[in-house]
N, C-alpha and C. Protein backbone atom coordinates (compact mmCIF):
# COMPACT_ATOMS: atom_id res chain seq x y z
N MET A 1 81.92 111.46 135.08
CA MET A 1 82.04 112.46 136.06
C MET A 1 82.64 111.86 137.31
N ASN A 2 83.48 112.58 137.92
CA ASN A 2 84.22 112.19 139.14
C ASN A 2 84.05 113.22 140.20
N ASP A 3 84.46 112.85 141.42
CA ASP A 3 84.42 113.83 142.50
C ASP A 3 85.84 114.48 142.62
N GLY A 4 85.86 115.77 142.83
CA GLY A 4 87.17 116.49 142.97
C GLY A 4 87.58 116.34 144.47
N GLU A 5 88.75 116.88 144.80
CA GLU A 5 89.29 116.81 146.13
C GLU A 5 88.40 117.46 147.27
N ASN A 6 87.61 118.44 146.86
CA ASN A 6 86.72 119.14 147.72
C ASN A 6 85.33 118.66 147.64
N GLY A 7 85.07 117.56 147.01
CA GLY A 7 83.63 117.07 146.86
C GLY A 7 82.91 117.67 145.67
N ASN A 8 83.64 118.50 144.92
CA ASN A 8 83.05 119.08 143.71
C ASN A 8 82.97 118.05 142.60
N LYS A 9 82.06 118.27 141.64
CA LYS A 9 82.01 117.39 140.48
C LYS A 9 82.94 117.81 139.41
N VAL A 10 83.66 116.84 138.83
CA VAL A 10 84.64 117.11 137.75
C VAL A 10 84.08 116.43 136.46
N TYR A 11 83.74 117.22 135.50
CA TYR A 11 83.36 116.68 134.22
C TYR A 11 84.52 116.64 133.26
N GLN A 12 84.69 115.45 132.63
CA GLN A 12 85.83 115.32 131.82
C GLN A 12 85.53 114.52 130.53
N MET A 13 86.32 114.76 129.51
CA MET A 13 86.23 114.04 128.26
C MET A 13 87.59 113.98 127.63
N LEU A 14 87.74 112.94 126.72
CA LEU A 14 89.00 112.81 126.01
C LEU A 14 88.58 112.63 124.51
N ALA A 15 89.21 113.30 123.63
CA ALA A 15 88.97 113.13 122.22
C ALA A 15 90.27 113.13 121.53
N ASN A 16 90.54 112.09 120.74
CA ASN A 16 91.81 111.90 120.01
C ASN A 16 91.45 111.57 118.63
N TYR A 17 91.64 112.54 117.72
CA TYR A 17 91.25 112.32 116.31
C TYR A 17 92.50 112.26 115.38
N GLN A 18 93.65 111.81 115.95
CA GLN A 18 94.84 111.71 115.17
C GLN A 18 94.72 110.43 114.24
N GLU A 19 95.53 110.47 113.17
CA GLU A 19 95.65 109.37 112.27
C GLU A 19 96.17 108.12 113.06
N GLY A 20 95.64 106.96 112.79
CA GLY A 20 96.07 105.76 113.45
C GLY A 20 95.23 105.39 114.66
N VAL A 21 94.29 106.26 115.08
CA VAL A 21 93.41 105.97 116.21
C VAL A 21 92.19 105.20 115.65
N ALA A 22 91.80 104.21 116.30
CA ALA A 22 90.61 103.43 115.90
C ALA A 22 89.42 104.28 115.62
N GLY A 23 88.78 104.08 114.47
CA GLY A 23 87.60 104.84 114.15
C GLY A 23 87.83 106.17 113.46
N VAL A 24 89.14 106.49 113.23
CA VAL A 24 89.47 107.76 112.56
C VAL A 24 90.02 107.46 111.16
N GLU A 25 89.39 108.04 110.18
CA GLU A 25 89.81 107.76 108.80
C GLU A 25 91.07 108.47 108.46
N LYS A 26 91.22 109.74 108.72
CA LYS A 26 92.38 110.53 108.48
C LYS A 26 92.58 111.51 109.63
N GLY A 27 93.81 111.58 110.08
CA GLY A 27 94.07 112.56 111.22
C GLY A 27 93.97 113.96 110.73
N GLU A 28 94.11 114.24 109.46
CA GLU A 28 94.08 115.61 108.99
C GLU A 28 92.69 116.12 108.71
N ASN A 29 91.68 115.40 109.09
CA ASN A 29 90.32 115.90 108.90
C ASN A 29 89.88 116.96 109.92
N ALA A 30 90.77 117.29 110.83
CA ALA A 30 90.67 118.47 111.74
C ALA A 30 89.41 118.42 112.62
N PHE A 31 88.96 117.21 113.07
CA PHE A 31 87.83 117.21 114.01
C PHE A 31 88.22 117.91 115.36
N MET A 32 87.24 118.64 115.90
CA MET A 32 87.43 119.30 117.13
C MET A 32 86.17 119.27 117.92
N ARG A 33 86.25 119.52 119.22
CA ARG A 33 85.10 119.52 120.07
C ARG A 33 84.67 120.99 120.24
N ILE A 34 83.42 121.23 120.08
CA ILE A 34 82.85 122.55 120.29
C ILE A 34 81.90 122.44 121.48
N LEU A 35 82.10 123.34 122.40
CA LEU A 35 81.35 123.32 123.68
C LEU A 35 80.46 124.55 123.70
N LYS A 36 79.17 124.37 124.01
CA LYS A 36 78.20 125.51 124.22
C LYS A 36 77.86 125.44 125.73
N ILE A 37 78.25 126.40 126.50
CA ILE A 37 78.05 126.49 127.88
C ILE A 37 77.01 127.47 128.27
N ASP A 38 75.96 126.98 129.02
CA ASP A 38 74.87 127.80 129.50
C ASP A 38 74.96 127.70 131.00
N THR A 39 75.50 128.76 131.61
CA THR A 39 75.68 128.77 133.10
C THR A 39 74.37 128.91 133.85
N GLU A 40 73.37 129.63 133.23
CA GLU A 40 72.11 129.82 133.87
C GLU A 40 71.32 128.47 133.94
N LYS A 41 71.38 127.72 132.89
CA LYS A 41 70.66 126.38 132.90
C LYS A 41 71.45 125.27 133.46
N GLY A 42 72.79 125.45 133.64
CA GLY A 42 73.68 124.45 134.10
C GLY A 42 73.89 123.32 133.16
N VAL A 43 74.07 123.76 131.83
CA VAL A 43 74.22 122.75 130.75
C VAL A 43 75.56 123.03 129.98
N VAL A 44 76.12 121.99 129.58
CA VAL A 44 77.27 122.01 128.65
C VAL A 44 76.98 121.07 127.50
N GLU A 45 76.75 121.61 126.27
CA GLU A 45 76.49 120.87 125.08
C GLU A 45 77.83 120.63 124.36
N VAL A 46 77.99 119.37 123.93
CA VAL A 46 79.27 119.00 123.27
C VAL A 46 78.95 118.50 121.87
N LYS A 47 79.60 119.05 120.85
CA LYS A 47 79.47 118.61 119.49
C LYS A 47 80.93 118.41 118.92
N THR A 48 81.04 117.54 117.94
CA THR A 48 82.26 117.24 117.27
C THR A 48 82.19 117.66 115.79
N TYR A 49 83.11 118.52 115.38
CA TYR A 49 82.96 119.15 114.01
C TYR A 49 84.29 119.12 113.29
N SER A 50 84.21 118.96 111.99
CA SER A 50 85.41 119.10 111.13
C SER A 50 85.13 120.26 110.14
N PRO A 51 85.90 121.33 110.26
CA PRO A 51 85.78 122.39 109.25
C PRO A 51 86.32 121.97 107.93
N TYR A 52 87.21 121.02 107.96
CA TYR A 52 87.85 120.55 106.66
C TYR A 52 86.75 119.78 105.82
N LEU A 53 85.97 118.97 106.51
CA LEU A 53 84.94 118.23 105.91
C LEU A 53 83.54 118.95 105.93
N ASN A 54 83.42 119.95 106.73
CA ASN A 54 82.19 120.67 106.95
C ASN A 54 81.08 119.74 107.36
N THR A 55 81.41 118.94 108.39
CA THR A 55 80.43 117.91 108.85
C THR A 55 80.62 117.68 110.34
N TYR A 56 79.60 117.19 110.99
CA TYR A 56 79.54 116.86 112.39
C TYR A 56 79.56 115.35 112.59
N LYS A 57 80.17 114.89 113.60
CA LYS A 57 80.04 113.51 114.07
C LYS A 57 78.86 113.45 114.94
N THR A 58 77.90 112.52 114.74
CA THR A 58 76.63 112.56 115.46
C THR A 58 76.42 111.30 116.37
N GLU A 59 77.47 110.42 116.52
CA GLU A 59 77.32 109.27 117.40
C GLU A 59 77.20 109.75 118.79
N LYS A 60 76.58 108.95 119.68
CA LYS A 60 76.29 109.30 121.09
C LYS A 60 77.59 109.73 121.82
N ASP A 61 78.70 109.15 121.46
CA ASP A 61 79.91 109.53 122.22
C ASP A 61 80.58 110.77 121.57
N GLN A 62 80.00 111.33 120.56
CA GLN A 62 80.57 112.48 119.86
C GLN A 62 79.63 113.75 119.98
N GLU A 63 78.50 113.50 120.39
CA GLU A 63 77.47 114.64 120.55
C GLU A 63 76.62 114.32 121.74
N PHE A 64 76.86 115.08 122.86
CA PHE A 64 76.23 114.78 124.13
C PHE A 64 76.09 115.99 124.98
N VAL A 65 75.39 115.84 126.13
CA VAL A 65 75.17 117.03 126.98
C VAL A 65 75.47 116.68 128.46
N PHE A 66 76.14 117.55 129.17
CA PHE A 66 76.33 117.46 130.61
C PHE A 66 75.20 118.36 131.17
N GLU A 67 74.39 117.77 132.05
CA GLU A 67 73.28 118.55 132.65
C GLU A 67 73.41 118.73 134.14
N ASN A 68 72.76 119.67 134.73
CA ASN A 68 72.87 119.91 136.15
C ASN A 68 74.20 120.29 136.65
N VAL A 69 74.98 121.02 135.81
CA VAL A 69 76.33 121.36 136.07
C VAL A 69 76.22 122.63 137.02
N LYS A 70 76.99 122.62 138.09
CA LYS A 70 77.04 123.74 138.99
C LYS A 70 78.29 124.57 138.74
N PHE A 71 78.07 125.74 138.17
CA PHE A 71 79.25 126.59 137.89
C PHE A 71 79.64 127.47 139.07
């Protein structure tokens, strides 16, 4: 998390599941990030899923939560 130009919090993430990236078996496995946003609770849940393999990545850097988010 970083601070924006106006002192606001900026939540950011990078996910690269292309072939040739360390830790990726095949680029065509179609992994994507799925975000569940709850504005009332101030929570963003992040999961990583492949519809091709019908499976989730469950490592800490692939499944995590941003809490106390001010929308």
